[in-house]
Amino acid sequence: MIDRLERKGFVRRRRGDGDRRQVMVEFTDEGIRRVGELYGPLEGEPLLGSFSKEQLDVMRDQLVRMRELTDRQRERLRAIDAG
């Protein structure tokens, strides 16, 4: 995924300052512009504004768990398909 984002000019890789083995990934100006373009309209979204920070944190945690569950299921299906 990082390779694709880099090819599109949205991110760049740079070596860590203290440890050259580290590779940092950072947004380019184009990447920041694109994120703002895609997600900026949500900033003023009344629905999201009606939730407290704690409620938004709970929703984020649930979405992360659902993504993890989906990733595990995808891997399970790949193993079945390969087997």
PDB file of N, CA and C in Angstrom:
ATOM      1  N   MET A   1       0.820  -1.173   0.000  1.00  0.00           N
ATOM      2  CA  MET A   1       0.000   0.000   0.000  1.00  0.00           C
ATOM      3  C   MET A   1       0.874   1.252   0.000  1.00  0.00           C
ATOM      4  N   ILE A   2       1.941   1.258   0.796  1.00  0.00           N
ATOM      5  CA  ILE A   2       2.839   2.416   0.834  1.00  0.00           C
ATOM      6  C   ILE A   2       3.458   2.643  -0.539  1.00  0.00           C
ATOM      7  N   ASP A   3       3.827   1.564  -1.217  1.00  0.00           N
ATOM      8  CA  ASP A   3       4.395   1.702  -2.569  1.00  0.00           C
ATOM      9  C   ASP A   3       3.423   2.421  -3.499  1.00  0.00           C
ATOM     10  N   ARG A   4       2.152   2.047  -3.450  1.00  0.00           N
ATOM     11  CA  ARG A   4       1.151   2.685  -4.315  1.00  0.00           C
ATOM     12  C   ARG A   4       0.976   4.155  -3.966  1.00  0.00           C
ATOM     13  N   LEU A   5       0.902   4.460  -2.673  1.00  0.00           N
ATOM     14  CA  LEU A   5       0.760   5.855  -2.260  1.00  0.00           C
ATOM     15  C   LEU A   5       1.973   6.681  -2.669  1.00  0.00           C
ATOM     16  N   GLU A   6       3.149   6.053  -2.592  1.00  0.00           N
ATOM     17  CA  GLU A   6       4.377   6.751  -2.984  1.00  0.00           C
ATOM     18  C   GLU A   6       4.403   7.005  -4.494  1.00  0.00           C
ATOM     19  N   ARG A   7       4.011   6.005  -5.275  1.00  0.00           N
ATOM     20  CA  ARG A   7       3.970   6.176  -6.728  1.00  0.00           C
ATOM     21  C   ARG A   7       3.019   7.294  -7.141  1.00  0.00           C
ATOM     22  N   LYS A   8       1.934   7.452  -6.397  1.00  0.00           N
ATOM     23  CA  LYS A   8       0.964   8.505  -6.711  1.00  0.00           C
ATOM     24  C   LYS A   8       1.399   9.874  -6.185  1.00  0.00           C
ATOM     25  N   GLY A   9       2.483   9.895  -5.418  1.00  0.00           N
ATOM     26  CA  GLY A   9       2.992  11.162  -4.912  1.00  0.00           C
ATOM     27  C   GLY A   9       2.317  11.651  -3.645  1.00  0.00           C
ATOM     28  N   PHE A  10       1.626  10.759  -2.931  1.00  0.00           N
ATOM     29  CA  PHE A  10       0.919  11.152  -1.720  1.00  0.00           C
ATOM     30  C   PHE A  10       1.785  11.046  -0.465  1.00  0.00           C
ATOM     31  N   VAL A  11       2.770  10.157  -0.473  1.00  0.00           N
ATOM     32  CA  VAL A  11       3.671   9.987   0.670  1.00  0.00           C
ATOM     33  C   VAL A  11       5.098   9.859   0.160  1.00  0.00           C
ATOM     34  N   ARG A  12       6.040  10.023   1.087  1.00  0.00           N
ATOM     35  CA  ARG A  12       7.446   9.774   0.763  1.00  0.00           C
ATOM     36  C   ARG A  12       8.063   9.057   1.952  1.00  0.00           C
ATOM     37  N   ARG A  13       9.103   8.313   1.659  1.00  0.00           N
ATOM     38  CA  ARG A  13       9.851   7.613   2.709  1.00  0.00           C
ATOM     39  C   ARG A  13      11.113   8.404   3.014  1.00  0.00           C
ATOM     40  N   ARG A  14      11.502   8.406   4.290  1.00  0.00           N
ATOM     41  CA  ARG A  14      12.783   9.000   4.656  1.00  0.00           C
ATOM     42  C   ARG A  14      13.363   8.194   5.809  1.00  0.00           C
ATOM     43  N   ARG A  15      14.670   8.140   5.862  1.00  0.00           N
ATOM     44  CA  ARG A  15      15.364   7.403   6.914  1.00  0.00           C
ATOM     45  C   ARG A  15      15.237   8.139   8.239  1.00  0.00           C
ATOM     46  N   GLY A  16      15.199   7.369   9.333  1.00  0.00           N
ATOM     47  CA  GLY A  16      15.144   7.963  10.662  1.00  0.00           C
ATOM     48  C   GLY A  16      16.407   8.759  10.947  1.00  0.00           C
ATOM     49  N   ASP A  17      16.278   9.828  11.693  1.00  0.00           N
ATOM     50  CA  ASP A  17      17.424  10.677  11.999  1.00  0.00           C
ATOM     51  C   ASP A  17      18.430   9.967  12.898  1.00  0.00           C
ATOM     52  N   GLY A  18      17.955   9.322  13.941  1.00  0.00           N
ATOM     53  CA  GLY A  18      18.857   8.680  14.887  1.00  0.00           C
ATOM     54  C   GLY A  18      19.251   7.265  14.510  1.00  0.00           C
ATOM     55  N   ASP A  19      18.395   6.595  13.780  1.00  0.00           N
ATOM     56  CA  ASP A  19      18.629   5.194  13.430  1.00  0.00           C
ATOM     57  C   ASP A  19      18.304   5.031  11.945  1.00  0.00           C
ATOM     58  N   ARG A  20      19.319   4.892  11.136  1.00  0.00           N
ATOM     59  CA  ARG A  20      19.142   4.814   9.685  1.00  0.00           C
ATOM     60  C   ARG A  20      18.373   3.567   9.251  1.00  0.00           C
ATOM     61  N   ARG A  21      18.203   2.607  10.160  1.00  0.00           N
ATOM     62  CA  ARG A  21      17.417   1.422   9.818  1.00  0.00           C
ATOM     63  C   ARG A  21      15.927   1.741   9.788  1.00  0.00           C
ATOM     64  N   GLN A  22      15.529   2.792  10.490  1.00  0.00           N
ATOM     65  CA  GLN A  22      14.127   3.186  10.495  1.00  0.00           C
ATOM     66  C   GLN A  22      13.772   3.861   9.182  1.00  0.00           C
ATOM     67  N   VAL A  23      12.583   3.579   8.727  1.00  0.00           N
ATOM     68  CA  VAL A  23      12.062   4.257   7.541  1.00  0.00           C
ATOM     69  C   VAL A  23      10.756   4.922   7.956  1.00  0.00           C
ATOM     70  N   MET A  24      10.742   6.233   7.838  1.00  0.00           N
ATOM     71  CA  MET A  24       9.566   7.004   8.198  1.00  0.00           C
ATOM     72  C   MET A  24       8.748   7.255   6.928  1.00  0.00           C
ATOM     73  N   VAL A  25       7.447   7.252   7.063  1.00  0.00           N
ATOM     74  CA  VAL A  25       6.559   7.562   5.949  1.00  0.00           C
ATOM     75  C   VAL A  25       5.827   8.845   6.318  1.00  0.00           C
ATOM     76  N   GLU A  26       5.887   9.832   5.429  1.00  0.00           N
ATOM     77  CA  GLU A  26       5.240  11.104   5.711  1.00  0.00           C
ATOM     78  C   GLU A  26       4.462  11.567   4.483  1.00  0.00           C
ATOM     79  N   PHE A  27       3.409  12.338   4.745  1.00  0.00           N
ATOM     80  CA  PHE A  27       2.618  12.886   3.652  1.00  0.00           C
ATOM     81  C   PHE A  27       3.422  13.917   2.881  1.00  0.00           C
ATOM     82  N   THR A  28       3.211  13.947   1.586  1.00  0.00           N
ATOM     83  CA  THR A  28       3.717  15.038   0.757  1.00  0.00           C
ATOM     84  C   THR A  28       2.668  16.158   0.805  1.00  0.00           C
ATOM     85  N   ASP A  29       3.005  17.305   0.244  1.00  0.00           N
ATOM     86  CA  ASP A  29       2.019  18.387   0.164  1.00  0.00           C
ATOM     87  C   ASP A  29       0.790  17.934  -0.614  1.00  0.00           C
ATOM     88  N   GLU A  30       1.020  17.172  -1.681  1.00  0.00           N
ATOM     89  CA  GLU A  30      -0.098  16.648  -2.475  1.00  0.00           C
ATOM     90  C   GLU A  30      -0.940  15.687  -1.643  1.00  0.00           C
ATOM     91  N   GLY A  31      -0.297  14.851  -0.836  1.00  0.00           N
ATOM     92  CA  GLY A  31      -1.023  13.917   0.026  1.00  0.00           C
ATOM     93  C   GLY A  31      -1.890  14.644   1.042  1.00  0.00           C
ATOM     94  N   ILE A  32      -1.349  15.693   1.640  1.00  0.00           N
ATOM     95  CA  ILE A  32      -2.116  16.483   2.605  1.00  0.00           C
ATOM     96  C   ILE A  32      -3.301  17.153   1.914  1.00  0.00           C
ATOM     97  N   ARG A  33      -3.064  17.681   0.723  1.00  0.00           N
ATOM     98  CA  ARG A  33      -4.139  18.317  -0.026  1.00  0.00           C
ATOM     99  C   ARG A  33      -5.253  17.315  -0.334  1.00  0.00           C
ATOM    100  N   ARG A  34      -4.840  16.131  -0.746  1.00  0.00           N
ATOM    101  CA  ARG A  34      -5.815  15.098  -1.133  1.00  0.00           C
ATOM    102  C   ARG A  34      -6.633  14.619   0.071  1.00  0.00           C
ATOM    103  N   VAL A  35      -5.980  14.440   1.211  1.00  0.00           N
ATOM    104  CA  VAL A  35      -6.702  14.023   2.421  1.00  0.00           C
ATOM    105  C   VAL A  35      -7.731  15.085   2.793  1.00  0.00           C
ATOM    106  N   GLY A  36      -7.315  16.355   2.735  1.00  0.00           N
ATOM    107  CA  GLY A  36      -8.251  17.430   3.036  1.00  0.00           C
ATOM    108  C   GLY A  36      -9.422  17.455   2.080  1.00  0.00           C
ATOM    109  N   GLU A  37      -9.142  17.187   0.816  1.00  0.00           N
ATOM    110  CA  GLU A  37     -10.184  17.159  -0.209  1.00  0.00           C
ATOM    111  C   GLU A  37     -11.188  16.036   0.060  1.00  0.00           C
ATOM    112  N   LEU A  38     -10.677  14.876   0.462  1.00  0.00           N
ATOM    113  CA  LEU A  38     -11.540  13.712   0.670  1.00  0.00           C
ATOM    114  C   LEU A  38     -12.285  13.745   2.002  1.00  0.00           C
ATOM    115  N   TYR A  39     -11.588  14.152   3.071  1.00  0.00           N
ATOM    116  CA  TYR A  39     -12.170  14.062   4.406  1.00  0.00           C
ATOM    117  C   TYR A  39     -12.567  15.409   4.993  1.00  0.00           C
ATOM    118  N   GLY A  40     -12.134  16.497   4.382  1.00  0.00           N
ATOM    119  CA  GLY A  40     -12.474  17.814   4.883  1.00  0.00           C
ATOM    120  C   GLY A  40     -13.967  18.050   5.042  1.00  0.00           C
ATOM    121  N   PRO A  41     -14.776  17.617   4.070  1.00  0.00           N
ATOM    122  CA  PRO A  41     -16.220  17.841   4.210  1.00  0.00           C
ATOM    123  C   PRO A  41     -16.825  17.208   5.462  1.00  0.00           C
ATOM    124  N   LEU A  42     -16.194  16.185   6.009  1.00  0.00           N
ATOM    125  CA  LEU A  42     -16.722  15.558   7.228  1.00  0.00           C
ATOM    126  C   LEU A  42     -16.526  16.433   8.456  1.00  0.00           C
ATOM    127  N   GLU A  43     -15.593  17.372   8.374  1.00  0.00           N
ATOM    128  CA  GLU A  43     -15.283  18.222   9.519  1.00  0.00           C
ATOM    129  C   GLU A  43     -16.508  18.963  10.023  1.00  0.00           C
ATOM    130  N   GLY A  44     -17.318  19.455   9.126  1.00  0.00           N
ATOM    131  CA  GLY A  44     -18.515  20.190   9.526  1.00  0.00           C
ATOM    132  C   GLY A  44     -19.766  19.339   9.565  1.00  0.00           C
ATOM    133  N   GLU A  45     -19.608  18.050   9.441  1.00  0.00           N
ATOM    134  CA  GLU A  45     -20.750  17.132   9.399  1.00  0.00           C
ATOM    135  C   GLU A  45     -21.503  17.172  10.729  1.00  0.00           C
ATOM    136  N   PRO A  46     -22.762  17.580  10.721  1.00  0.00           N
ATOM    137  CA  PRO A  46     -23.521  17.679  11.977  1.00  0.00           C
ATOM    138  C   PRO A  46     -23.642  16.356  12.711  1.00  0.00           C
ATOM    139  N   LEU A  47     -23.749  15.266  11.983  1.00  0.00           N
ATOM    140  CA  LEU A  47     -23.885  13.965  12.639  1.00  0.00           C
ATOM    141  C   LEU A  47     -22.686  13.683  13.523  1.00  0.00           C
ATOM    142  N   LEU A  48     -21.470  13.873  12.982  1.00  0.00           N
ATOM    143  CA  LEU A  48     -20.273  13.607  13.775  1.00  0.00           C
ATOM    144  C   LEU A  48     -20.131  14.603  14.915  1.00  0.00           C
ATOM    145  N   GLY A  49     -20.575  15.841  14.705  1.00  0.00           N
ATOM    146  CA  GLY A  49     -20.485  16.857  15.737  1.00  0.00           C
ATOM    147  C   GLY A  49     -21.383  16.586  16.927  1.00  0.00           C
ATOM    148  N   SER A  50     -22.363  15.705  16.746  1.00  0.00           N
ATOM    149  CA  SER A  50     -23.289  15.408  17.844  1.00  0.00           C
ATOM    150  C   SER A  50     -22.733  14.376  18.820  1.00  0.00           C
ATOM    151  N   PHE A  51     -21.584  13.768  18.485  1.00  0.00           N
ATOM    152  CA  PHE A  51     -20.986  12.762  19.358  1.00  0.00           C
ATOM    153  C   PHE A  51     -19.892  13.386  20.219  1.00  0.00           C
ATOM    154  N   SER A  52     -19.769  12.864  21.428  1.00  0.00           N
ATOM    155  CA  SER A  52     -18.690  13.309  22.307  1.00  0.00           C
ATOM    156  C   SER A  52     -17.394  12.651  21.851  1.00  0.00           C
ATOM    157  N   LYS A  53     -16.279  13.151  22.337  1.00  0.00           N
ATOM    158  CA  LYS A  53     -14.982  12.550  22.015  1.00  0.00           C
ATOM    159  C   LYS A  53     -14.953  11.092  22.453  1.00  0.00           C
ATOM    160  N   GLU A  54     -15.516  10.818  23.616  1.00  0.00           N
ATOM    161  CA  GLU A  54     -15.534   9.442  24.122  1.00  0.00           C
ATOM    162  C   GLU A  54     -16.341   8.533  23.201  1.00  0.00           C
ATOM    163  N   GLN A  55     -17.462   9.022  22.707  1.00  0.00           N
ATOM    164  CA  GLN A  55     -18.273   8.223  21.787  1.00  0.00           C
ATOM    165  C   GLN A  55     -17.534   7.984  20.472  1.00  0.00           C
ATOM    166  N   LEU A  56     -16.869   9.010  19.977  1.00  0.00           N
ATOM    167  CA  LEU A  56     -16.091   8.843  18.748  1.00  0.00           C
ATOM    168  C   LEU A  56     -14.946   7.861  18.962  1.00  0.00           C
ATOM    169  N   ASP A  57     -14.318   7.891  20.135  1.00  0.00           N
ATOM    170  CA  ASP A  57     -13.256   6.937  20.451  1.00  0.00           C
ATOM    171  C   ASP A  57     -13.784   5.508  20.440  1.00  0.00           C
ATOM    172  N   VAL A  58     -14.978   5.296  21.002  1.00  0.00           N
ATOM    173  CA  VAL A  58     -15.592   3.964  21.018  1.00  0.00           C
ATOM    174  C   VAL A  58     -15.875   3.507  19.587  1.00  0.00           C
ATOM    175  N   MET A  59     -16.420   4.416  18.759  1.00  0.00           N
ATOM    176  CA  MET A  59     -16.698   4.056  17.363  1.00  0.00           C
ATOM    177  C   MET A  59     -15.408   3.688  16.634  1.00  0.00           C
ATOM    178  N   ARG A  60     -14.361   4.494  16.833  1.00  0.00           N
ATOM    179  CA  ARG A  60     -13.077   4.204  16.184  1.00  0.00           C
ATOM    180  C   ARG A  60     -12.571   2.829  16.607  1.00  0.00           C
ATOM    181  N   ASP A  61     -12.630   2.541  17.915  1.00  0.00           N
ATOM    182  CA  ASP A  61     -12.163   1.244  18.399  1.00  0.00           C
ATOM    183  C   ASP A  61     -12.963   0.102  17.784  1.00  0.00           C
ATOM    184  N   GLN A  62     -14.270   0.291  17.648  1.00  0.00           N
ATOM    185  CA  GLN A  62     -15.097  -0.747  17.025  1.00  0.00           C
ATOM    186  C   GLN A  62     -14.733  -0.942  15.559  1.00  0.00           C
ATOM    187  N   LEU A  63     -14.489   0.142  14.852  1.00  0.00           N
ATOM    188  CA  LEU A  63     -14.094   0.031  13.452  1.00  0.00           C
ATOM    189  C   LEU A  63     -12.755  -0.679  13.306  1.00  0.00           C
ATOM    190  N   VAL A  64     -11.829  -0.401  14.202  1.00  0.00           N
ATOM    191  CA  VAL A  64     -10.534  -1.090  14.178  1.00  0.00           C
ATOM    192  C   VAL A  64     -10.739  -2.580  14.403  1.00  0.00           C
ATOM    193  N   ARG A  65     -11.579  -2.930  15.363  1.00  0.00           N
ATOM    194  CA  ARG A  65     -11.840  -4.359  15.636  1.00  0.00           C
ATOM    195  C   ARG A  65     -12.503  -5.039  14.436  1.00  0.00           C
ATOM    196  N   MET A  66     -13.447  -4.339  13.791  1.00  0.00           N
ATOM    197  CA  MET A  66     -14.095  -4.925  12.613  1.00  0.00           C
ATOM    198  C   MET A  66     -13.091  -5.136  11.491  1.00  0.00           C
ATOM    199  N   ARG A  67     -12.177  -4.184  11.312  1.00  0.00           N
ATOM    200  CA  ARG A  67     -11.146  -4.341  10.288  1.00  0.00           C
ATOM    201  C   ARG A  67     -10.253  -5.530  10.613  1.00  0.00           C
ATOM    202  N   GLU A  68      -9.879  -5.674  11.870  1.00  0.00           N
ATOM    203  CA  GLU A  68      -9.042  -6.811  12.263  1.00  0.00           C
ATOM    204  C   GLU A  68      -9.769  -8.125  12.024  1.00  0.00           C
ATOM    205  N   LEU A  69     -11.048  -8.174  12.349  1.00  0.00           N
ATOM    206  CA  LEU A  69     -11.848  -9.377  12.112  1.00  0.00           C
ATOM    207  C   LEU A  69     -11.912  -9.686  10.621  1.00  0.00           C
ATOM    208  N   THR A  70     -12.118  -8.659   9.815  1.00  0.00           N
ATOM    209  CA  THR A  70     -12.165  -8.839   8.366  1.00  0.00           C
ATOM    210  C   THR A  70     -10.825  -9.333   7.834  1.00  0.00           C
ATOM    211  N   ASP A  71      -9.726  -8.775   8.337  1.00  0.00           N
ATOM    212  CA  ASP A  71      -8.395  -9.220   7.914  1.00  0.00           C
ATOM    213  C   ASP A  71      -8.168 -10.688   8.261  1.00  0.00           C
ATOM    214  N   ARG A  72      -8.571 -11.083   9.465  1.00  0.00           N
ATOM    215  CA  ARG A  72      -8.408 -12.497   9.858  1.00  0.00           C
ATOM    216  C   ARG A  72      -9.245 -13.412   8.976  1.00  0.00           C
ATOM    217  N   GLN A  73     -10.464 -13.002   8.697  1.00  0.00           N
ATOM    218  CA  GLN A  73     -11.340 -13.807   7.836  1.00  0.00           C
ATOM    219  C   GLN A  73     -10.759 -13.925   6.433  1.00  0.00           C
ATOM    220  N   ARG A  74     -10.243 -12.826   5.898  1.00  0.00           N
ATOM    221  CA  ARG A  74      -9.634 -12.853   4.563  1.00  0.00           C
ATOM    222  C   ARG A  74      -8.450 -13.823   4.534  1.00  0.00           C
ATOM    223  N   GLU A  75      -7.614 -13.784   5.559  1.00  0.00           N
ATOM    224  CA  GLU A  75      -6.475 -14.711   5.628  1.00  0.00           C
ATOM    225  C   GLU A  75      -6.940 -16.156   5.738  1.00  0.00           C
ATOM    226  N   ARG A  76      -7.988 -16.376   6.514  1.00  0.00           N
ATOM    227  CA  ARG A  76      -8.532 -17.730   6.636  1.00  0.00           C
ATOM    228  C   ARG A  76      -9.036 -18.230   5.292  1.00  0.00           C
ATOM    229  N   LEU A  77      -9.733 -17.369   4.570  1.00  0.00           N
ATOM    230  CA  LEU A  77     -10.239 -17.767   3.254  1.00  0.00           C
ATOM    231  C   LEU A  77      -9.108 -17.995   2.255  1.00  0.00           C
ATOM    232  N   ARG A  78      -8.068 -17.203   2.318  1.00  0.00           N
ATOM    233  CA  ARG A  78      -6.911 -17.424   1.445  1.00  0.00           C
ATOM    234  C   ARG A  78      -6.249 -18.768   1.732  1.00  0.00           C
ATOM    235  N   ALA A  79      -6.160 -19.103   3.016  1.00  0.00           N
ATOM    236  CA  ALA A  79      -5.538 -20.384   3.384  1.00  0.00           C
ATOM    237  C   ALA A  79      -6.392 -21.547   2.877  1.00  0.00           C
ATOM    238  N   ILE A  80      -7.690 -21.410   2.975  1.00  0.00           N
ATOM    239  CA  ILE A  80      -8.584 -22.460   2.473  1.00  0.00           C
ATOM    240  C   ILE A  80      -8.437 -22.579   0.954  1.00  0.00           C
ATOM    241  N   ASP A  81      -8.412 -21.443   0.286  1.00  0.00           N
ATOM    242  CA  ASP A  81      -8.300 -21.431  -1.170  1.00  0.00           C
ATOM    243  C   ASP A  81      -6.958 -22.020  -1.630  1.00  0.00           C
ATOM    244  N   ALA A  82      -5.890 -21.735  -0.884  1.00  0.00           N
ATOM    245  CA  ALA A  82      -4.562 -22.224  -1.250  1.00  0.00           C
ATOM    246  C   ALA A  82      -4.402 -23.705  -0.921  1.00  0.00           C
ATOM    247  N   GLY A  83      -5.186 -24.184   0.046  1.00  0.00           N
ATOM    248  CA  GLY A  83      -5.021 -25.542   0.536  1.00  0.00           C
ATOM    249  C   GLY A  83      -5.648 -26.551  -0.327  1.00  0.00           C
TER     250      GLY A  83
END
